[in-house]
Amino acid sequence: MSDLQQTQHAIVRMAQRGIQPDDLPWIMAIATEVPDGLMVTNKDIAEIERHLKAFTRCLRHINGKLLIARDGALITAYHATKRQASTRLRTRTKTRGL
């Protein structure tokens, strides 16, 4: 069901019911499969909310961490002080990743 062609009927009904075309990938990504299609349930939403909360905790945990790498190898990792962060951010390179 990942690559659905929209019929004219579906396009009209979606417009009438306030379902945006941009909603479709989200619905298809998280919905529960039912015999004739996909349906987003409260349980689906709660599961995504749990994942987002865990992701947010992870982001807060890694905030301020600094990885030092050269030639594709991780040399060290530490908590950057405000001064170290400020200095590194002023002289940062355009690329991300190691």
N, C-alpha and C. Protein backbone atom coordinates (compact mmCIF):
# COMPACT_ATOMS: atom_id res chain seq x y z
N MET A 1 0.81 -1.18 0.00
CA MET A 1 0.00 0.00 0.00
C MET A 1 0.87 1.26 0.00
N SER A 2 2.17 1.10 -0.19
CA SER A 2 3.07 2.22 -0.06
C SER A 2 3.04 3.18 -1.25
N ASP A 3 2.56 2.72 -2.39
CA ASP A 3 2.59 3.59 -3.57
C ASP A 3 1.19 3.64 -4.19
N LEU A 4 0.30 4.36 -3.56
CA LEU A 4 -1.09 4.41 -3.99
C LEU A 4 -1.31 5.47 -5.05
N GLN A 5 -2.05 5.10 -6.09
CA GLN A 5 -2.52 6.06 -7.08
C GLN A 5 -3.84 6.63 -6.56
N GLN A 6 -3.99 7.93 -6.62
CA GLN A 6 -5.22 8.55 -6.14
C GLN A 6 -6.22 8.68 -7.28
N THR A 7 -7.41 8.17 -7.02
CA THR A 7 -8.48 8.34 -8.01
C THR A 7 -9.06 9.74 -7.86
N GLN A 8 -9.79 10.18 -8.88
CA GLN A 8 -10.45 11.49 -8.81
C GLN A 8 -11.43 11.52 -7.65
N HIS A 9 -12.12 10.40 -7.44
CA HIS A 9 -13.06 10.30 -6.32
C HIS A 9 -12.33 10.52 -4.99
N ALA A 10 -11.19 9.88 -4.82
CA ALA A 10 -10.42 10.01 -3.57
C ALA A 10 -9.95 11.45 -3.38
N ILE A 11 -9.50 12.09 -4.44
CA ILE A 11 -9.02 13.48 -4.36
C ILE A 11 -10.15 14.40 -3.90
N VAL A 12 -11.33 14.22 -4.50
CA VAL A 12 -12.50 15.04 -4.13
C VAL A 12 -12.89 14.78 -2.68
N ARG A 13 -12.99 13.52 -2.29
CA ARG A 13 -13.40 13.18 -0.92
C ARG A 13 -12.39 13.68 0.12
N MET A 14 -11.10 13.56 -0.19
CA MET A 14 -10.08 14.06 0.73
C MET A 14 -10.24 15.56 0.93
N ALA A 15 -10.48 16.28 -0.16
CA ALA A 15 -10.68 17.73 -0.07
C ALA A 15 -11.91 18.06 0.77
N GLN A 16 -12.98 17.32 0.57
CA GLN A 16 -14.22 17.55 1.32
C GLN A 16 -14.05 17.27 2.81
N ARG A 17 -13.16 16.30 3.12
CA ARG A 17 -13.01 15.84 4.50
C ARG A 17 -11.79 16.42 5.21
N GLY A 18 -11.14 17.37 4.55
CA GLY A 18 -10.01 18.04 5.20
C GLY A 18 -8.75 17.21 5.32
N ILE A 19 -8.61 16.20 4.49
CA ILE A 19 -7.40 15.38 4.49
C ILE A 19 -6.47 15.92 3.41
N GLN A 20 -5.33 16.44 3.82
CA GLN A 20 -4.38 17.05 2.90
C GLN A 20 -3.53 15.98 2.21
N PRO A 21 -3.12 16.23 0.97
CA PRO A 21 -2.22 15.28 0.30
C PRO A 21 -0.93 15.04 1.09
N ASP A 22 -0.46 16.06 1.81
CA ASP A 22 0.74 15.89 2.63
C ASP A 22 0.51 14.99 3.83
N ASP A 23 -0.74 14.72 4.18
CA ASP A 23 -1.06 13.82 5.29
C ASP A 23 -0.81 12.36 4.91
N LEU A 24 -0.92 12.04 3.63
CA LEU A 24 -0.86 10.64 3.20
C LEU A 24 0.41 9.90 3.62
N PRO A 25 1.61 10.47 3.40
CA PRO A 25 2.80 9.73 3.82
C PRO A 25 2.83 9.46 5.32
N TRP A 26 2.33 10.42 6.11
CA TRP A 26 2.30 10.23 7.56
C TRP A 26 1.32 9.13 7.94
N ILE A 27 0.16 9.16 7.33
CA ILE A 27 -0.84 8.12 7.60
C ILE A 27 -0.28 6.76 7.24
N MET A 28 0.32 6.68 6.07
CA MET A 28 0.85 5.40 5.61
C MET A 28 2.02 4.92 6.47
N ALA A 29 2.74 5.83 7.10
CA ALA A 29 3.89 5.46 7.92
C ALA A 29 3.49 4.93 9.29
N ILE A 30 2.40 5.45 9.87
CA ILE A 30 2.10 5.09 11.26
C ILE A 30 0.82 4.29 11.46
N ALA A 31 -0.03 4.21 10.44
CA ALA A 31 -1.37 3.63 10.61
C ALA A 31 -1.35 2.12 10.82
N THR A 32 -2.42 1.66 11.40
CA THR A 32 -2.67 0.24 11.58
C THR A 32 -3.38 -0.29 10.33
N GLU A 33 -2.94 -1.44 9.87
CA GLU A 33 -3.57 -2.03 8.70
C GLU A 33 -4.90 -2.67 9.12
N VAL A 34 -5.94 -2.36 8.37
CA VAL A 34 -7.27 -2.94 8.56
C VAL A 34 -7.62 -3.67 7.26
N PRO A 35 -8.66 -4.51 7.26
CA PRO A 35 -8.93 -5.33 6.08
C PRO A 35 -8.98 -4.58 4.74
N ASP A 36 -9.49 -3.36 4.72
CA ASP A 36 -9.62 -2.67 3.43
C ASP A 36 -8.75 -1.42 3.33
N GLY A 37 -7.77 -1.26 4.22
CA GLY A 37 -6.92 -0.08 4.13
C GLY A 37 -6.08 0.15 5.35
N LEU A 38 -5.90 1.42 5.68
CA LEU A 38 -5.09 1.85 6.82
C LEU A 38 -5.90 2.82 7.67
N MET A 39 -5.73 2.73 9.00
CA MET A 39 -6.44 3.64 9.89
C MET A 39 -5.50 4.06 11.01
N VAL A 40 -5.43 5.36 11.25
CA VAL A 40 -4.63 5.88 12.35
C VAL A 40 -5.47 5.80 13.62
N THR A 41 -4.92 5.14 14.62
CA THR A 41 -5.64 4.96 15.89
C THR A 41 -4.95 5.75 17.01
N ASN A 42 -5.65 5.89 18.12
CA ASN A 42 -5.04 6.53 19.29
C ASN A 42 -3.79 5.78 19.72
N LYS A 43 -3.81 4.45 19.60
CA LYS A 43 -2.65 3.64 19.96
C LYS A 43 -1.46 3.96 19.04
N ASP A 44 -1.71 4.16 17.76
CA ASP A 44 -0.64 4.52 16.81
C ASP A 44 -0.01 5.86 17.22
N ILE A 45 -0.86 6.82 17.55
CA ILE A 45 -0.38 8.15 17.92
C ILE A 45 0.39 8.08 19.23
N ALA A 46 -0.11 7.33 20.21
CA ALA A 46 0.57 7.19 21.50
C ALA A 46 1.96 6.58 21.32
N GLU A 47 2.07 5.60 20.43
CA GLU A 47 3.37 4.97 20.18
C GLU A 47 4.36 5.97 19.58
N ILE A 48 3.91 6.76 18.62
CA ILE A 48 4.77 7.79 18.03
C ILE A 48 5.16 8.82 19.08
N GLU A 49 4.21 9.22 19.92
CA GLU A 49 4.52 10.19 20.97
C GLU A 49 5.58 9.65 21.93
N ARG A 50 5.52 8.35 22.25
CA ARG A 50 6.54 7.74 23.11
C ARG A 50 7.91 7.81 22.45
N HIS A 51 7.96 7.50 21.15
CA HIS A 51 9.23 7.55 20.41
C HIS A 51 9.77 8.98 20.37
N LEU A 52 8.90 9.94 20.14
CA LEU A 52 9.32 11.35 20.09
C LEU A 52 9.85 11.81 21.44
N LYS A 53 9.20 11.38 22.51
CA LYS A 53 9.64 11.75 23.84
C LYS A 53 11.03 11.17 24.13
N ALA A 54 11.24 9.91 23.75
CA ALA A 54 12.56 9.29 23.93
C ALA A 54 13.61 9.99 23.08
N PHE A 55 13.24 10.35 21.87
CA PHE A 55 14.16 11.06 20.98
C PHE A 55 14.54 12.42 21.57
N THR A 56 13.55 13.12 22.12
CA THR A 56 13.80 14.42 22.74
C THR A 56 14.74 14.28 23.94
N ARG A 57 14.53 13.24 24.76
CA ARG A 57 15.43 12.99 25.90
C ARG A 57 16.85 12.76 25.40
N CYS A 58 16.99 12.00 24.33
CA CYS A 58 18.30 11.72 23.75
C CYS A 58 18.95 13.02 23.26
N LEU A 59 18.19 13.86 22.58
CA LEU A 59 18.73 15.12 22.08
C LEU A 59 19.23 15.99 23.23
N ARG A 60 18.45 16.06 24.30
CA ARG A 60 18.87 16.87 25.45
C ARG A 60 20.14 16.29 26.08
N HIS A 61 20.26 14.97 26.09
CA HIS A 61 21.43 14.31 26.66
C HIS A 61 22.70 14.60 25.87
N ILE A 62 22.60 14.65 24.54
CA ILE A 62 23.80 14.84 23.72
C ILE A 62 24.11 16.31 23.46
N ASN A 63 23.25 17.22 23.92
CA ASN A 63 23.49 18.64 23.73
C ASN A 63 24.83 19.03 24.37
N GLY A 64 25.68 19.70 23.61
CA GLY A 64 26.96 20.16 24.13
C GLY A 64 28.08 19.15 24.04
N LYS A 65 27.80 17.95 23.57
CA LYS A 65 28.86 16.95 23.43
C LYS A 65 29.69 17.28 22.21
N LEU A 66 30.98 17.02 22.29
CA LEU A 66 31.90 17.34 21.21
C LEU A 66 32.69 16.09 20.84
N LEU A 67 32.66 15.74 19.57
CA LEU A 67 33.45 14.64 19.03
C LEU A 67 34.60 15.22 18.23
N ILE A 68 35.81 14.77 18.50
CA ILE A 68 36.97 15.20 17.75
C ILE A 68 37.38 14.05 16.84
N ALA A 69 37.45 14.35 15.55
CA ALA A 69 37.77 13.30 14.57
C ALA A 69 38.78 13.83 13.57
N ARG A 70 39.61 12.93 13.09
CA ARG A 70 40.55 13.25 12.03
C ARG A 70 40.67 12.04 11.11
N ASP A 71 40.70 12.32 9.83
CA ASP A 71 40.89 11.26 8.82
C ASP A 71 39.91 10.11 9.01
N GLY A 72 38.67 10.46 9.33
CA GLY A 72 37.63 9.44 9.45
C GLY A 72 37.68 8.61 10.72
N ALA A 73 38.53 8.99 11.69
CA ALA A 73 38.63 8.24 12.94
C ALA A 73 38.25 9.14 14.11
N LEU A 74 37.47 8.61 15.04
CA LEU A 74 37.10 9.34 16.25
C LEU A 74 38.30 9.33 17.19
N ILE A 75 38.78 10.50 17.55
CA ILE A 75 39.94 10.64 18.42
C ILE A 75 39.51 10.70 19.89
N THR A 76 38.53 11.54 20.19
CA THR A 76 38.05 11.67 21.56
C THR A 76 36.65 12.27 21.56
N ALA A 77 36.03 12.26 22.72
CA ALA A 77 34.69 12.84 22.90
C ALA A 77 34.60 13.41 24.30
N TYR A 78 33.95 14.57 24.43
CA TYR A 78 33.80 15.18 25.75
C TYR A 78 32.68 16.21 25.75
N HIS A 79 32.38 16.70 26.96
CA HIS A 79 31.40 17.76 27.14
C HIS A 79 32.11 19.09 26.90
N ALA A 80 31.71 19.83 25.91
CA ALA A 80 32.34 21.10 25.60
C ALA A 80 31.89 22.16 26.61
N THR A 81 32.83 22.96 27.07
CA THR A 81 32.48 24.10 27.91
C THR A 81 31.85 25.16 27.02
N LYS A 82 31.25 26.17 27.62
CA LYS A 82 30.65 27.24 26.82
C LYS A 82 31.71 27.91 25.95
N ARG A 83 32.88 28.11 26.50
CA ARG A 83 33.96 28.74 25.74
C ARG A 83 34.39 27.86 24.56
N GLN A 84 34.57 26.56 24.79
CA GLN A 84 34.95 25.65 23.71
C GLN A 84 33.88 25.62 22.63
N ALA A 85 32.63 25.56 23.05
CA ALA A 85 31.53 25.53 22.08
C ALA A 85 31.52 26.81 21.26
N SER A 86 31.65 27.94 21.93
CA SER A 86 31.62 29.23 21.25
C SER A 86 32.76 29.35 20.24
N THR A 87 33.96 28.95 20.66
CA THR A 87 35.12 29.00 19.76
C THR A 87 34.92 28.10 18.56
N ARG A 88 34.48 26.88 18.80
CA ARG A 88 34.30 25.92 17.70
C ARG A 88 33.17 26.35 16.76
N LEU A 89 32.12 26.92 17.30
CA LEU A 89 31.01 27.34 16.45
C LEU A 89 31.39 28.53 15.57
N ARG A 90 32.25 29.39 16.05
CA ARG A 90 32.70 30.53 15.24
C ARG A 90 33.57 30.08 14.08
N THR A 91 34.28 28.98 14.27
CA THR A 91 35.21 28.50 13.23
C THR A 91 34.74 27.22 12.56
N ARG A 92 33.46 26.94 12.66
CA ARG A 92 32.95 25.66 12.13
C ARG A 92 33.09 25.55 10.62
N THR A 93 33.14 24.30 10.15
CA THR A 93 33.20 24.02 8.72
C THR A 93 31.77 23.86 8.21
N LYS A 94 31.63 23.82 6.91
CA LYS A 94 30.31 23.75 6.28
C LYS A 94 29.72 22.35 6.31
N THR A 95 30.55 21.31 6.42
CA THR A 95 30.04 19.94 6.34
C THR A 95 29.71 19.39 7.72
N ARG A 96 28.82 18.44 7.75
CA ARG A 96 28.44 17.76 9.00
C ARG A 96 28.92 16.33 8.94
N GLY A 97 29.03 15.74 10.08
CA GLY A 97 29.40 14.33 10.17
C GLY A 97 30.89 14.17 10.25
N LEU A 98 31.28 12.91 10.45
CA LEU A 98 32.70 12.63 10.63
C LEU A 98 33.29 12.12 9.36
